Amino acid sequence: MIPLQKGMIRHSKQSIRDGVITAGYKRASAYWAVGGTIATLLPVVILYFMVSKPF
């Protein structure tokens, strides 16, 4: 995810200069949101399976 973060920084600097949010930043932000959601939900799902397993 580090290249994605660097791309977002680069696009945000360009957006500040131009005064408008670039399509590249919007795309990178969408990927970041999807990746963050997966990274957040995955441990919750794993915890559910750990707790709900039959004895």
N, C-alpha and C. Protein backbone atom coordinates (compact mmCIF):
# COMPACT_ATOMS: atom_id res chain seq x y z
N MET A 1 0.81 -1.19 0.00
CA MET A 1 0.00 0.00 0.00
C MET A 1 0.87 1.27 0.00
N ILE A 2 2.14 1.11 0.22
CA ILE A 2 3.02 2.28 0.23
C ILE A 2 3.02 3.01 -1.11
N PRO A 3 3.10 2.32 -2.26
CA PRO A 3 3.04 3.06 -3.53
C PRO A 3 1.73 3.84 -3.69
N LEU A 4 0.66 3.28 -3.17
CA LEU A 4 -0.63 3.97 -3.24
C LEU A 4 -0.60 5.25 -2.41
N GLN A 5 0.00 5.19 -1.24
CA GLN A 5 0.12 6.38 -0.40
C GLN A 5 0.97 7.45 -1.08
N LYS A 6 2.07 7.04 -1.69
CA LYS A 6 2.93 8.00 -2.38
C LYS A 6 2.19 8.64 -3.55
N GLY A 7 1.40 7.85 -4.26
CA GLY A 7 0.60 8.39 -5.35
C GLY A 7 -0.43 9.39 -4.86
N MET A 8 -1.05 9.08 -3.73
CA MET A 8 -2.04 10.00 -3.16
C MET A 8 -1.38 11.31 -2.75
N ILE A 9 -0.20 11.23 -2.20
CA ILE A 9 0.53 12.45 -1.81
C ILE A 9 0.86 13.27 -3.05
N ARG A 10 1.34 12.60 -4.08
CA ARG A 10 1.69 13.30 -5.33
C ARG A 10 0.45 13.95 -5.95
N HIS A 11 -0.66 13.22 -6.00
CA HIS A 11 -1.89 13.77 -6.57
C HIS A 11 -2.46 14.90 -5.71
N SER A 12 -2.33 14.79 -4.40
CA SER A 12 -2.86 15.85 -3.54
C SER A 12 -2.05 17.15 -3.69
N LYS A 13 -0.74 17.01 -3.89
CA LYS A 13 0.07 18.21 -4.13
C LYS A 13 -0.35 18.88 -5.43
N GLN A 14 -0.59 18.07 -6.45
CA GLN A 14 -1.04 18.62 -7.73
C GLN A 14 -2.42 19.26 -7.59
N SER A 15 -3.29 18.64 -6.80
CA SER A 15 -4.63 19.19 -6.59
C SER A 15 -4.57 20.53 -5.87
N ILE A 16 -3.65 20.66 -4.93
CA ILE A 16 -3.49 21.93 -4.22
C ILE A 16 -3.03 23.01 -5.19
N ARG A 17 -2.08 22.67 -6.05
CA ARG A 17 -1.58 23.64 -7.03
C ARG A 17 -2.67 24.05 -8.02
N ASP A 18 -3.44 23.05 -8.52
CA ASP A 18 -4.44 23.32 -9.55
C ASP A 18 -5.76 23.84 -8.98
N GLY A 19 -6.02 23.56 -7.72
CA GLY A 19 -7.26 24.00 -7.10
C GLY A 19 -8.44 23.08 -7.39
N VAL A 20 -8.18 21.91 -7.95
CA VAL A 20 -9.25 20.93 -8.24
C VAL A 20 -8.70 19.53 -7.97
N ILE A 21 -9.55 18.67 -7.44
CA ILE A 21 -9.12 17.30 -7.13
C ILE A 21 -9.00 16.51 -8.43
N THR A 22 -7.87 15.87 -8.62
CA THR A 22 -7.61 15.14 -9.86
C THR A 22 -8.31 13.78 -9.85
N ALA A 23 -8.52 13.25 -11.05
CA ALA A 23 -9.14 11.93 -11.19
C ALA A 23 -8.21 10.86 -10.61
N GLY A 24 -6.91 11.06 -10.73
CA GLY A 24 -5.95 10.10 -10.17
C GLY A 24 -6.07 10.01 -8.66
N TYR A 25 -6.28 11.15 -8.00
CA TYR A 25 -6.43 11.13 -6.55
C TYR A 25 -7.72 10.42 -6.17
N LYS A 26 -8.80 10.69 -6.91
CA LYS A 26 -10.08 10.04 -6.60
C LYS A 26 -9.97 8.53 -6.76
N ARG A 27 -9.27 8.09 -7.79
CA ARG A 27 -9.09 6.66 -8.02
C ARG A 27 -8.25 6.04 -6.91
N ALA A 28 -7.14 6.69 -6.56
CA ALA A 28 -6.27 6.18 -5.48
C ALA A 28 -7.01 6.17 -4.15
N SER A 29 -7.82 7.17 -3.91
CA SER A 29 -8.59 7.24 -2.68
C SER A 29 -9.62 6.11 -2.60
N ALA A 30 -10.23 5.79 -3.73
CA ALA A 30 -11.19 4.68 -3.75
C ALA A 30 -10.49 3.35 -3.46
N TYR A 31 -9.31 3.14 -4.07
CA TYR A 31 -8.55 1.92 -3.78
C TYR A 31 -8.16 1.86 -2.30
N TRP A 32 -7.79 3.00 -1.75
CA TRP A 32 -7.40 3.07 -0.35
C TRP A 32 -8.59 2.71 0.55
N ALA A 33 -9.76 3.21 0.21
CA ALA A 33 -10.95 2.92 1.00
C ALA A 33 -11.30 1.44 0.95
N VAL A 34 -11.20 0.83 -0.21
CA VAL A 34 -11.50 -0.60 -0.34
C VAL A 34 -10.47 -1.42 0.44
N GLY A 35 -9.20 -1.09 0.27
CA GLY A 35 -8.16 -1.82 1.00
C GLY A 35 -8.29 -1.66 2.51
N GLY A 36 -8.62 -0.46 2.95
CA GLY A 36 -8.80 -0.22 4.38
C GLY A 36 -9.98 -0.97 4.95
N THR A 37 -11.06 -1.04 4.18
CA THR A 37 -12.24 -1.79 4.62
C THR A 37 -11.92 -3.27 4.76
N ILE A 38 -11.23 -3.80 3.78
CA ILE A 38 -10.84 -5.22 3.85
C ILE A 38 -9.91 -5.47 5.03
N ALA A 39 -8.94 -4.59 5.21
CA ALA A 39 -7.97 -4.75 6.31
C ALA A 39 -8.64 -4.62 7.67
N THR A 40 -9.75 -3.90 7.75
CA THR A 40 -10.47 -3.76 9.01
C THR A 40 -11.40 -4.94 9.26
N LEU A 41 -12.10 -5.39 8.22
CA LEU A 41 -13.08 -6.45 8.40
C LEU A 41 -12.46 -7.84 8.52
N LEU A 42 -11.34 -8.06 7.89
CA LEU A 42 -10.72 -9.38 7.93
C LEU A 42 -10.42 -9.87 9.35
N PRO A 43 -9.80 -9.07 10.22
CA PRO A 43 -9.58 -9.55 11.59
C PRO A 43 -10.88 -9.80 12.35
N VAL A 44 -11.92 -9.04 12.05
CA VAL A 44 -13.21 -9.25 12.71
C VAL A 44 -13.78 -10.61 12.29
N VAL A 45 -13.70 -10.93 11.03
CA VAL A 45 -14.19 -12.22 10.54
C VAL A 45 -13.37 -13.36 11.15
N ILE A 46 -12.07 -13.20 11.21
CA ILE A 46 -11.21 -14.22 11.82
C ILE A 46 -11.56 -14.41 13.29
N LEU A 47 -11.77 -13.31 13.99
CA LEU A 47 -12.17 -13.40 15.41
C LEU A 47 -13.49 -14.14 15.56
N TYR A 48 -14.43 -13.86 14.68
CA TYR A 48 -15.73 -14.54 14.73
C TYR A 48 -15.53 -16.04 14.58
N PHE A 49 -14.73 -16.46 13.61
CA PHE A 49 -14.50 -17.89 13.42
C PHE A 49 -13.77 -18.51 14.59
N MET A 50 -12.89 -17.78 15.22
CA MET A 50 -12.17 -18.31 16.37
C MET A 50 -13.10 -18.51 17.55
N VAL A 51 -14.02 -17.59 17.75
CA VAL A 51 -14.91 -17.65 18.90
C VAL A 51 -16.06 -18.63 18.68
N SER A 52 -16.54 -18.73 17.46
CA SER A 52 -17.73 -19.54 17.21
C SER A 52 -17.43 -20.99 16.83
N LYS A 53 -16.20 -21.40 16.85
CA LYS A 53 -15.89 -22.78 16.48
C LYS A 53 -16.49 -23.75 17.50
N PRO A 54 -16.92 -24.91 17.04
CA PRO A 54 -17.49 -25.89 17.98
C PRO A 54 -16.40 -26.50 18.87
N PHE A 55 -16.80 -26.87 20.07
CA PHE A 55 -15.84 -27.45 21.01
C PHE A 55 -15.73 -28.92 20.86
